Amino acid sequence: MTDNQLGEFLRARRAGVRPQDVGMASHGLRRVAGLRREEVAVLAGVNADYYARLEQGRERHPSAQVIDALGRALRLGPDAHAHLHRLAGTVPTGDFAHTTDRVGPALRQLMDGNPGAPALVLNRALDVLATNALAEALYSPFEEADNLARMTFLDPAGRQFHARWGDAALATVGHLRQAAGLDPDDPRLRDLVRSLLEHSAEFARLWNTHTVHGKTREEKHLLHPDVGLLTLTYQAFDVRDAPGQQLIVYQAEPGSPSARALSLLGSVHATRTGTAL
């Protein structure tokens, strides 16, 4: 990570917007992908030199109004728009708290009390802090279910497990980008990103797109060696007494093949480990 995160983000997102996306005509040979700096400035209603200084890191104190205008000009979604504000320092940080990796007993009891749904607790760096038995069964193809990003990019099982690996990889990078905006000085997150950049060219390519993506209810398409294809949705819940932690609960459509496969997976895992789900 550099000390000009705001400029890098603006450049990357500018490169992803074409003139026709924003109703602009494209004239002459374009030396850059996406919009020119001058075009972003026009769309946002700011001085072109001022915008150039923002990208170059020579101006680091834009107003919230300027950031809102740039977010609209670059067609940012809600997650990316909020991330842009954080990078610019225009979002209050008084309510921000560093997370703890300790999972409380009441939360563990809640997870274990719902044996039919895989449930896990993550921190901002996507470290797996706790799982219930069915989540343990779900992630059993991996050498170690320790960090979702490492598992996706560096574990050999990752590309087989995620039936739509490209979508899973992009979402994973987006989650880490969002986390970096929330807590850019988190040493765990910095070490994780450094390791992924060093060992995965695909991660490096996606990281440089500056995609920001919060957790949603989108479907997961997983291919488990024991039960085949699983199509699952999930809900993400913030853990109120442990800021930064999220409880993730997966579920399959009732009565669907995925629901039957998930039930079978629980039985297989229980037989294999000698435990009861």
C-alpha atoms as a PDB file:
ATOM      1  CA  MET A   1       0.000   0.000   0.000  1.00  0.00           C
ATOM      2  CA  THR A   2       1.264   3.479  -0.880  1.00  0.00           C
ATOM      3  CA  ASP A   3       0.690   6.807   0.848  1.00  0.00           C
ATOM      4  CA  ASN A   4      -1.475   8.046  -2.040  1.00  0.00           C
ATOM      5  CA  GLN A   5      -4.418   5.673  -1.759  1.00  0.00           C
ATOM      6  CA  LEU A   6      -6.867   8.405  -2.775  1.00  0.00           C
ATOM      7  CA  GLY A   7      -4.997   9.175  -6.009  1.00  0.00           C
ATOM      8  CA  GLU A   8      -4.589   5.513  -6.912  1.00  0.00           C
ATOM      9  CA  PHE A   9      -8.278   4.882  -6.341  1.00  0.00           C
ATOM     10  CA  LEU A  10      -9.321   7.829  -8.500  1.00  0.00           C
ATOM     11  CA  ARG A  11      -6.997   6.791 -11.324  1.00  0.00           C
ATOM     12  CA  ALA A  12      -8.172   3.186 -11.256  1.00  0.00           C
ATOM     13  CA  ARG A  13     -11.850   4.067 -11.238  1.00  0.00           C
ATOM     14  CA  ARG A  14     -11.391   6.724 -13.930  1.00  0.00           C
ATOM     15  CA  ALA A  15      -9.848   4.046 -16.134  1.00  0.00           C
ATOM     16  CA  GLY A  16     -12.975   1.926 -15.727  1.00  0.00           C
ATOM     17  CA  VAL A  17     -15.442   4.541 -17.040  1.00  0.00           C
ATOM     18  CA  ARG A  18     -15.781   5.024 -20.784  1.00  0.00           C
ATOM     19  CA  PRO A  19     -16.917   8.329 -22.322  1.00  0.00           C
ATOM     20  CA  GLN A  20     -20.054   6.686 -23.679  1.00  0.00           C
ATOM     21  CA  ASP A  21     -20.936   5.484 -20.173  1.00  0.00           C
ATOM     22  CA  VAL A  22     -21.426   9.086 -19.090  1.00  0.00           C
ATOM     23  CA  GLY A  23     -22.842  10.484 -22.320  1.00  0.00           C
ATOM     24  CA  MET A  24     -19.598  12.022 -23.576  1.00  0.00           C
ATOM     25  CA  ALA A  25     -18.369  11.942 -27.148  1.00  0.00           C
ATOM     26  CA  SER A  26     -14.927  10.439 -27.686  1.00  0.00           C
ATOM     27  CA  HIS A  27     -12.638  12.472 -29.950  1.00  0.00           C
ATOM     28  CA  GLY A  28      -9.170  11.662 -31.247  1.00  0.00           C
ATOM     29  CA  LEU A  29      -6.681   9.012 -30.180  1.00  0.00           C
ATOM     30  CA  ARG A  30      -7.048   8.159 -26.497  1.00  0.00           C
ATOM     31  CA  ARG A  31      -3.777   7.357 -24.742  1.00  0.00           C
ATOM     32  CA  VAL A  32      -5.490   6.195 -21.560  1.00  0.00           C
ATOM     33  CA  ALA A  33      -8.212   3.698 -20.794  1.00  0.00           C
ATOM     34  CA  GLY A  34     -11.450   5.264 -19.671  1.00  0.00           C
ATOM     35  CA  LEU A  35     -11.932   8.964 -19.020  1.00  0.00           C
ATOM     36  CA  ARG A  36      -9.295  11.662 -19.224  1.00  0.00           C
ATOM     37  CA  ARG A  37      -8.616  13.735 -16.122  1.00  0.00           C
ATOM     38  CA  GLU A  38     -10.143  16.776 -17.786  1.00  0.00           C
ATOM     39  CA  GLU A  39     -13.338  14.844 -18.493  1.00  0.00           C
ATOM     40  CA  VAL A  40     -13.708  13.772 -14.870  1.00  0.00           C
ATOM     41  CA  ALA A  41     -13.172  17.364 -13.799  1.00  0.00           C
ATOM     42  CA  VAL A  42     -15.914  18.569 -16.163  1.00  0.00           C
ATOM     43  CA  LEU A  43     -18.347  15.907 -14.952  1.00  0.00           C
ATOM     44  CA  ALA A  44     -17.634  16.718 -11.310  1.00  0.00           C
ATOM     45  CA  GLY A  45     -17.648  20.484 -11.815  1.00  0.00           C
ATOM     46  CA  VAL A  46     -14.154  20.995 -10.408  1.00  0.00           C
ATOM     47  CA  ASN A  47     -11.031  22.671 -11.756  1.00  0.00           C
ATOM     48  CA  ALA A  48      -8.975  20.303 -13.943  1.00  0.00           C
ATOM     49  CA  ASP A  49      -5.705  21.289 -12.259  1.00  0.00           C
ATOM     50  CA  TYR A  50      -7.257  20.706  -8.842  1.00  0.00           C
ATOM     51  CA  TYR A  51      -8.397  17.233  -9.886  1.00  0.00           C
ATOM     52  CA  ALA A  52      -4.924  16.442 -11.271  1.00  0.00           C
ATOM     53  CA  ARG A  53      -3.406  17.405  -7.923  1.00  0.00           C
ATOM     54  CA  LEU A  54      -5.824  15.062  -6.150  1.00  0.00           C
ATOM     55  CA  GLU A  55      -4.681  12.135  -8.295  1.00  0.00           C
ATOM     56  CA  GLN A  56      -1.016  13.042  -7.879  1.00  0.00           C
ATOM     57  CA  GLY A  57      -1.289  13.310  -4.106  1.00  0.00           C
ATOM     58  CA  ARG A  58      -0.395  17.011  -4.091  1.00  0.00           C
ATOM     59  CA  GLU A  59      -3.864  17.907  -2.762  1.00  0.00           C
ATOM     60  CA  ARG A  60      -5.047  15.777   0.158  1.00  0.00           C
ATOM     61  CA  HIS A  61      -7.868  17.756   1.749  1.00  0.00           C
ATOM     62  CA  PRO A  62     -10.861  17.811  -0.591  1.00  0.00           C
ATOM     63  CA  SER A  63     -14.247  18.761   0.805  1.00  0.00           C
ATOM     64  CA  ALA A  64     -17.070  16.262   1.240  1.00  0.00           C
ATOM     65  CA  GLN A  65     -18.927  18.075  -1.548  1.00  0.00           C
ATOM     66  CA  VAL A  66     -16.040  17.535  -3.963  1.00  0.00           C
ATOM     67  CA  ILE A  67     -15.854  13.858  -3.033  1.00  0.00           C
ATOM     68  CA  ASP A  68     -19.597  13.459  -3.604  1.00  0.00           C
ATOM     69  CA  ALA A  69     -19.257  15.091  -7.011  1.00  0.00           C
ATOM     70  CA  LEU A  70     -16.350  12.823  -7.964  1.00  0.00           C
ATOM     71  CA  GLY A  71     -18.275   9.767  -6.806  1.00  0.00           C
ATOM     72  CA  ARG A  72     -21.150  10.697  -9.094  1.00  0.00           C
ATOM     73  CA  ALA A  73     -18.814  11.493 -11.994  1.00  0.00           C
ATOM     74  CA  LEU A  74     -17.105   8.109 -11.666  1.00  0.00           C
ATOM     75  CA  ARG A  75     -20.431   6.292 -11.287  1.00  0.00           C
ATOM     76  CA  LEU A  76     -19.450   4.737  -7.974  1.00  0.00           C
ATOM     77  CA  GLY A  77     -21.804   2.391  -6.168  1.00  0.00           C
ATOM     78  CA  PRO A  78     -22.613   2.890  -2.456  1.00  0.00           C
ATOM     79  CA  ASP A  79     -19.689   0.797  -1.155  1.00  0.00           C
ATOM     80  CA  ALA A  80     -17.130   2.437  -3.435  1.00  0.00           C
ATOM     81  CA  HIS A  81     -18.557   5.906  -2.721  1.00  0.00           C
ATOM     82  CA  ALA A  82     -18.217   5.380   1.039  1.00  0.00           C
ATOM     83  CA  HIS A  83     -14.690   4.032   0.500  1.00  0.00           C
ATOM     84  CA  LEU A  84     -13.773   7.183  -1.455  1.00  0.00           C
ATOM     85  CA  HIS A  85     -14.941   9.329   1.450  1.00  0.00           C
ATOM     86  CA  ARG A  86     -12.832   7.322   3.872  1.00  0.00           C
ATOM     87  CA  LEU A  87      -9.740   7.667   1.698  1.00  0.00           C
ATOM     88  CA  ALA A  88     -10.285  11.420   1.520  1.00  0.00           C
ATOM     89  CA  GLY A  89     -10.782  11.712   5.275  1.00  0.00           C
ATOM     90  CA  THR A  90     -14.250  13.196   4.868  1.00  0.00           C
ATOM     91  CA  VAL A  91     -16.043  10.535   6.909  1.00  0.00           C
ATOM     92  CA  PRO A  92     -16.014  10.939  10.708  1.00  0.00           C
ATOM     93  CA  THR A  93     -13.874   8.239  12.309  1.00  0.00           C
ATOM     94  CA  GLY A  94     -14.828   8.851  15.944  1.00  0.00           C
ATOM     95  CA  ASP A  95     -17.130   5.835  15.989  1.00  0.00           C
ATOM     96  CA  PHE A  96     -14.523   3.521  14.480  1.00  0.00           C
ATOM     97  CA  ALA A  97     -13.054   0.863  16.728  1.00  0.00           C
ATOM     98  CA  HIS A  98     -10.384  -1.713  16.084  1.00  0.00           C
ATOM     99  CA  THR A  99     -11.712  -5.238  16.143  1.00  0.00           C
ATOM    100  CA  THR A 100     -10.966  -8.087  18.469  1.00  0.00           C
ATOM    101  CA  ASP A 101     -10.459 -11.634  17.233  1.00  0.00           C
ATOM    102  CA  ARG A 102     -12.072 -13.179  20.301  1.00  0.00           C
ATOM    103  CA  VAL A 103     -15.471 -14.721  19.581  1.00  0.00           C
ATOM    104  CA  GLY A 104     -17.757 -14.596  22.602  1.00  0.00           C
ATOM    105  CA  PRO A 105     -19.361 -17.762  24.015  1.00  0.00           C
ATOM    106  CA  ALA A 106     -22.899 -16.486  23.387  1.00  0.00           C
ATOM    107  CA  LEU A 107     -22.168 -16.089  19.676  1.00  0.00           C
ATOM    108  CA  ARG A 108     -20.622 -19.546  19.491  1.00  0.00           C
ATOM    109  CA  GLN A 109     -23.716 -20.955  21.189  1.00  0.00           C
ATOM    110  CA  LEU A 110     -25.938 -19.214  18.660  1.00  0.00           C
ATOM    111  CA  MET A 111     -23.948 -20.686  15.765  1.00  0.00           C
ATOM    112  CA  ASP A 112     -23.970 -24.202  17.191  1.00  0.00           C
ATOM    113  CA  GLY A 113     -27.686 -23.916  17.924  1.00  0.00           C
ATOM    114  CA  ASN A 114     -28.424 -23.717  14.187  1.00  0.00           C
ATOM    115  CA  PRO A 115     -26.832 -26.930  12.895  1.00  0.00           C
ATOM    116  CA  GLY A 116     -28.654 -26.871   9.551  1.00  0.00           C
ATOM    117  CA  ALA A 117     -26.968 -23.675   8.332  1.00  0.00           C
ATOM    118  CA  PRO A 118     -23.219 -23.204   7.860  1.00  0.00           C
ATOM    119  CA  ALA A 119     -22.154 -20.248  10.020  1.00  0.00           C
ATOM    120  CA  LEU A 120     -18.788 -18.589  10.539  1.00  0.00           C
ATOM    121  CA  VAL A 121     -17.362 -15.432  12.084  1.00  0.00           C
ATOM    122  CA  LEU A 122     -14.896 -13.273  10.136  1.00  0.00           C
ATOM    123  CA  ASN A 123     -12.812 -10.223  10.917  1.00  0.00           C
ATOM    124  CA  ARG A 124     -12.136  -7.422   8.432  1.00  0.00           C
ATOM    125  CA  ALA A 125      -9.131  -9.279   7.000  1.00  0.00           C
ATOM    126  CA  LEU A 126     -11.428 -12.275   6.279  1.00  0.00           C
ATOM    127  CA  ASP A 127      -9.732 -14.417   8.923  1.00  0.00           C
ATOM    128  CA  VAL A 128     -12.042 -17.258   9.984  1.00  0.00           C
ATOM    129  CA  LEU A 129     -12.409 -16.791  13.729  1.00  0.00           C
ATOM    130  CA  ALA A 130     -15.037 -19.448  14.413  1.00  0.00           C
ATOM    131  CA  THR A 131     -17.203 -21.987  12.560  1.00  0.00           C
ATOM    132  CA  ASN A 132     -20.041 -24.301  13.423  1.00  0.00           C
ATOM    133  CA  ALA A 133     -19.896 -27.960  12.422  1.00  0.00           C
ATOM    134  CA  LEU A 134     -21.609 -27.529   9.054  1.00  0.00           C
ATOM    135  CA  ALA A 135     -19.330 -24.644   8.068  1.00  0.00           C
ATOM    136  CA  GLU A 136     -16.369 -26.831   9.021  1.00  0.00           C
ATOM    137  CA  ALA A 137     -17.777 -29.503   6.710  1.00  0.00           C
ATOM    138  CA  LEU A 138     -18.356 -26.966   3.940  1.00  0.00           C
ATOM    139  CA  TYR A 139     -14.728 -25.802   3.972  1.00  0.00           C
ATOM    140  CA  SER A 140     -13.213 -29.247   4.506  1.00  0.00           C
ATOM    141  CA  PRO A 141     -11.663 -29.387   0.979  1.00  0.00           C
ATOM    142  CA  PHE A 142      -9.132 -26.720   2.011  1.00  0.00           C
ATOM    143  CA  GLU A 143      -5.829 -27.480   3.688  1.00  0.00           C
ATOM    144  CA  GLU A 144      -6.823 -25.056   6.430  1.00  0.00           C
ATOM    145  CA  ALA A 145      -9.937 -22.904   6.776  1.00  0.00           C
ATOM    146  CA  ASP A 146      -8.052 -19.938   8.193  1.00  0.00           C
ATOM    147  CA  ASN A 147      -8.572 -16.961   5.854  1.00  0.00           C
ATOM    148  CA  LEU A 148     -11.033 -16.706   2.970  1.00  0.00           C
ATOM    149  CA  ALA A 149      -8.698 -14.614   0.813  1.00  0.00           C
ATOM    150  CA  ARG A 150      -5.737 -16.954   1.248  1.00  0.00           C
ATOM    151  CA  MET A 151      -8.008 -19.926   0.591  1.00  0.00           C
ATOM    152  CA  THR A 152      -9.366 -18.358  -2.604  1.00  0.00           C
ATOM    153  CA  PHE A 153      -6.049 -17.291  -4.128  1.00  0.00           C
ATOM    154  CA  LEU A 154      -3.332 -19.509  -2.653  1.00  0.00           C
ATOM    155  CA  ASP A 155      -4.921 -22.825  -1.705  1.00  0.00           C
ATOM    156  CA  PRO A 156      -5.013 -25.289  -4.642  1.00  0.00           C
ATOM    157  CA  ALA A 157      -8.578 -26.217  -3.676  1.00  0.00           C
ATOM    158  CA  GLY A 158      -9.817 -22.669  -4.223  1.00  0.00           C
ATOM    159  CA  ARG A 159     -10.352 -22.795  -7.981  1.00  0.00           C
ATOM    160  CA  GLN A 160     -12.237 -26.096  -7.809  1.00  0.00           C
ATOM    161  CA  PHE A 161     -14.296 -25.157  -4.753  1.00  0.00           C
ATOM    162  CA  HIS A 162     -15.582 -21.887  -6.231  1.00  0.00           C
ATOM    163  CA  ALA A 163     -17.548 -22.899  -9.312  1.00  0.00           C
ATOM    164  CA  ARG A 164     -17.408 -19.264 -10.427  1.00  0.00           C
ATOM    165  CA  TRP A 165     -13.913 -18.527  -9.232  1.00  0.00           C
ATOM    166  CA  GLY A 166     -13.565 -15.218 -11.046  1.00  0.00           C
ATOM    167  CA  ASP A 167     -16.618 -13.777  -9.321  1.00  0.00           C
ATOM    168  CA  ALA A 168     -15.459 -15.069  -5.934  1.00  0.00           C
ATOM    169  CA  ALA A 169     -11.969 -13.650  -6.449  1.00  0.00           C
ATOM    170  CA  LEU A 170     -13.251 -10.196  -7.404  1.00  0.00           C
ATOM    171  CA  ALA A 171     -15.635 -10.102  -4.439  1.00  0.00           C
ATOM    172  CA  THR A 172     -12.847 -11.158  -2.074  1.00  0.00           C
ATOM    173  CA  VAL A 173     -10.558  -8.383  -3.287  1.00  0.00           C
ATOM    174  CA  GLY A 174     -13.412  -5.905  -2.982  1.00  0.00           C
ATOM    175  CA  HIS A 175     -13.962  -6.892   0.653  1.00  0.00           C
ATOM    176  CA  LEU A 176     -10.283  -6.383   1.449  1.00  0.00           C
ATOM    177  CA  ARG A 177     -10.259  -2.983  -0.287  1.00  0.00           C
ATOM    178  CA  GLN A 178     -13.217  -1.928   1.839  1.00  0.00           C
ATOM    179  CA  ALA A 179     -11.406  -3.145   4.966  1.00  0.00           C
ATOM    180  CA  ALA A 180      -8.286  -1.205   3.985  1.00  0.00           C
ATOM    181  CA  GLY A 181     -10.350   1.952   3.758  1.00  0.00           C
ATOM    182  CA  LEU A 182     -11.823   1.353   7.213  1.00  0.00           C
ATOM    183  CA  ASP A 183      -8.514   0.591   8.920  1.00  0.00           C
ATOM    184  CA  PRO A 184      -5.527   1.297   6.628  1.00  0.00           C
ATOM    185  CA  ASP A 185      -3.029   0.840   9.460  1.00  0.00           C
ATOM    186  CA  ASP A 186      -4.226  -2.642  10.478  1.00  0.00           C
ATOM    187  CA  PRO A 187      -0.970  -4.680  10.575  1.00  0.00           C
ATOM    188  CA  ARG A 188      -2.765  -7.975   9.973  1.00  0.00           C
ATOM    189  CA  LEU A 189      -4.440  -6.635   6.845  1.00  0.00           C
ATOM    190  CA  ARG A 190      -1.200  -5.123   5.556  1.00  0.00           C
ATOM    191  CA  ASP A 191       0.657  -8.433   6.037  1.00  0.00           C
ATOM    192  CA  LEU A 192      -2.117 -10.363   4.306  1.00  0.00           C
ATOM    193  CA  VAL A 193      -2.229  -8.046   1.288  1.00  0.00           C
ATOM    194  CA  ARG A 194       1.569  -8.057   1.037  1.00  0.00           C
ATOM    195  CA  SER A 195       1.623 -11.861   1.010  1.00  0.00           C
ATOM    196  CA  LEU A 196      -1.142 -12.113  -1.574  1.00  0.00           C
ATOM    197  CA  LEU A 197       0.528  -9.547  -3.829  1.00  0.00           C
ATOM    198  CA  GLU A 198       3.779 -11.490  -3.615  1.00  0.00           C
ATOM    199  CA  HIS A 199       2.343 -14.927  -4.302  1.00  0.00           C
ATOM    200  CA  SER A 200      -0.644 -14.327  -6.595  1.00  0.00           C
ATOM    201  CA  ALA A 201      -0.417 -12.400  -9.863  1.00  0.00           C
ATOM    202  CA  GLU A 202      -4.193 -12.645 -10.201  1.00  0.00           C
ATOM    203  CA  PHE A 203      -4.693 -11.013  -6.822  1.00  0.00           C
ATOM    204  CA  ALA A 204      -2.256  -8.243  -7.774  1.00  0.00           C
ATOM    205  CA  ARG A 205      -4.174  -7.578 -10.997  1.00  0.00           C
ATOM    206  CA  LEU A 206      -7.527  -7.380  -9.225  1.00  0.00           C
ATOM    207  CA  TRP A 207      -6.124  -5.377  -6.296  1.00  0.00           C
ATOM    208  CA  ASN A 208      -4.995  -2.685  -8.728  1.00  0.00           C
ATOM    209  CA  THR A 209      -8.560  -2.237 -10.012  1.00  0.00           C
ATOM    210  CA  HIS A 210      -9.458  -0.717  -6.604  1.00  0.00           C
ATOM    211  CA  THR A 211     -12.800  -2.503  -6.614  1.00  0.00           C
ATOM    212  CA  VAL A 212     -14.694  -1.978  -3.340  1.00  0.00           C
ATOM    213  CA  HIS A 213     -17.350  -4.478  -2.393  1.00  0.00           C
ATOM    214  CA  GLY A 214     -19.263  -4.992   0.830  1.00  0.00           C
ATOM    215  CA  LYS A 215     -20.873  -8.290   1.712  1.00  0.00           C
ATOM    216  CA  THR A 216     -24.312  -8.739   0.166  1.00  0.00           C
ATOM    217  CA  ARG A 217     -26.891 -11.506  -0.201  1.00  0.00           C
ATOM    218  CA  GLU A 218     -25.479 -12.678  -3.535  1.00  0.00           C
ATOM    219  CA  GLU A 219     -25.422 -16.371  -4.389  1.00  0.00           C
ATOM    220  CA  LYS A 220     -22.397 -18.570  -3.854  1.00  0.00           C
ATOM    221  CA  HIS A 221     -21.805 -21.408  -6.302  1.00  0.00           C
ATOM    222  CA  LEU A 222     -19.631 -23.987  -4.595  1.00  0.00           C
ATOM    223  CA  LEU A 223     -18.441 -27.382  -5.824  1.00  0.00           C
ATOM    224  CA  HIS A 224     -17.828 -29.736  -2.910  1.00  0.00           C
ATOM    225  CA  PRO A 225     -16.061 -33.046  -3.612  1.00  0.00           C
ATOM    226  CA  ASP A 226     -18.410 -34.939  -1.272  1.00  0.00           C
ATOM    227  CA  VAL A 227     -21.816 -33.695  -2.441  1.00  0.00           C
ATOM    228  CA  GLY A 228     -21.340 -31.803  -5.710  1.00  0.00           C
ATOM    229  CA  LEU A 229     -22.681 -28.358  -6.608  1.00  0.00           C
ATOM    230  CA  LEU A 230     -24.142 -26.151  -3.886  1.00  0.00           C
ATOM    231  CA  THR A 231     -25.974 -22.910  -4.631  1.00  0.00           C
ATOM    232  CA  LEU A 232     -26.188 -20.933  -1.401  1.00  0.00           C
ATOM    233  CA  THR A 233     -27.159 -17.428  -0.366  1.00  0.00           C
ATOM    234  CA  TYR A 234     -25.858 -15.757   2.750  1.00  0.00           C
ATOM    235  CA  GLN A 235     -26.632 -13.099   5.299  1.00  0.00           C
ATOM    236  CA  ALA A 236     -23.939 -10.995   6.974  1.00  0.00           C
ATOM    237  CA  PHE A 237     -24.529  -9.604  10.457  1.00  0.00           C
ATOM    238  CA  ASP A 238     -22.305  -7.125  12.278  1.00  0.00           C
ATOM    239  CA  VAL A 239     -21.378  -8.323  15.763  1.00  0.00           C
ATOM    240  CA  ARG A 240     -22.311  -5.348  17.918  1.00  0.00           C
ATOM    241  CA  ASP A 241     -20.081  -6.155  20.897  1.00  0.00           C
ATOM    242  CA  ALA A 242     -17.047  -6.884  18.689  1.00  0.00           C
ATOM    243  CA  PRO A 243     -16.719  -4.107  16.050  1.00  0.00           C
ATOM    244  CA  GLY A 244     -15.189  -5.452  12.857  1.00  0.00           C
ATOM    245  CA  GLN A 245     -16.503  -8.975  13.287  1.00  0.00           C
ATOM    246  CA  GLN A 246     -19.242 -10.334  11.044  1.00  0.00           C
ATOM    247  CA  LEU A 247     -21.393 -13.413  11.438  1.00  0.00           C
ATOM    248  CA  ILE A 248     -21.968 -15.063   8.053  1.00  0.00           C
ATOM    249  CA  VAL A 249     -24.831 -17.543   7.731  1.00  0.00           C
ATOM    250  CA  TYR A 250     -25.338 -19.578   4.550  1.00  0.00           C
ATOM    251  CA  GLN A 251     -28.603 -21.145   3.476  1.00  0.00           C
ATOM    252  CA  ALA A 252     -30.011 -23.114   0.580  1.00  0.00           C
ATOM    253  CA  GLU A 253     -33.446 -22.747  -0.956  1.00  0.00           C
ATOM    254  CA  PRO A 254     -35.755 -25.068   1.054  1.00  0.00           C
ATOM    255  CA  GLY A 255     -36.495 -28.301  -0.793  1.00  0.00           C
ATOM    256  CA  SER A 256     -33.872 -27.599  -3.457  1.00  0.00           C
ATOM    257  CA  PRO A 257     -31.110 -29.992  -4.581  1.00  0.00           C
ATOM    258  CA  SER A 258     -28.667 -27.748  -2.740  1.00  0.00           C
ATOM    259  CA  ALA A 259     -30.659 -28.113   0.492  1.00  0.00           C
ATOM    260  CA  ARG A 260     -30.548 -31.890   0.164  1.00  0.00           C
ATOM    261  CA  ALA A 261     -26.836 -31.791  -0.651  1.00  0.00           C
ATOM    262  CA  LEU A 262     -26.178 -29.584   2.376  1.00  0.00           C
ATOM    263  CA  SER A 263     -28.005 -32.027   4.623  1.00  0.00           C
ATOM    264  CA  LEU A 264     -26.019 -34.899   3.140  1.00  0.00           C
ATOM    265  CA  LEU A 265     -22.791 -32.984   3.689  1.00  0.00           C
ATOM    266  CA  GLY A 266     -23.626 -32.659   7.367  1.00  0.00           C
ATOM    267  CA  SER A 267     -24.234 -36.395   7.650  1.00  0.00           C
ATOM    268  CA  VAL A 268     -21.029 -37.274   5.800  1.00  0.00           C
ATOM    269  CA  HIS A 269     -19.007 -34.935   7.987  1.00  0.00           C
ATOM    270  CA  ALA A 270     -20.601 -36.240  11.194  1.00  0.00           C
ATOM    271  CA  THR A 271     -19.834 -39.834  10.202  1.00  0.00           C
ATOM    272  CA  ARG A 272     -16.281 -38.952   9.247  1.00  0.00           C
ATOM    273  CA  THR A 273     -15.521 -37.041  12.438  1.00  0.00           C
ATOM    274  CA  GLY A 274     -17.635 -39.075  14.831  1.00  0.00           C
ATOM    275  CA  THR A 275     -19.714 -36.046  15.855  1.00  0.00           C
ATOM    276  CA  ALA A 276     -23.363 -35.176  15.613  1.00  0.00           C
ATOM    277  CA  LEU A 277     -24.698 -32.136  13.778  1.00  0.00           C
END
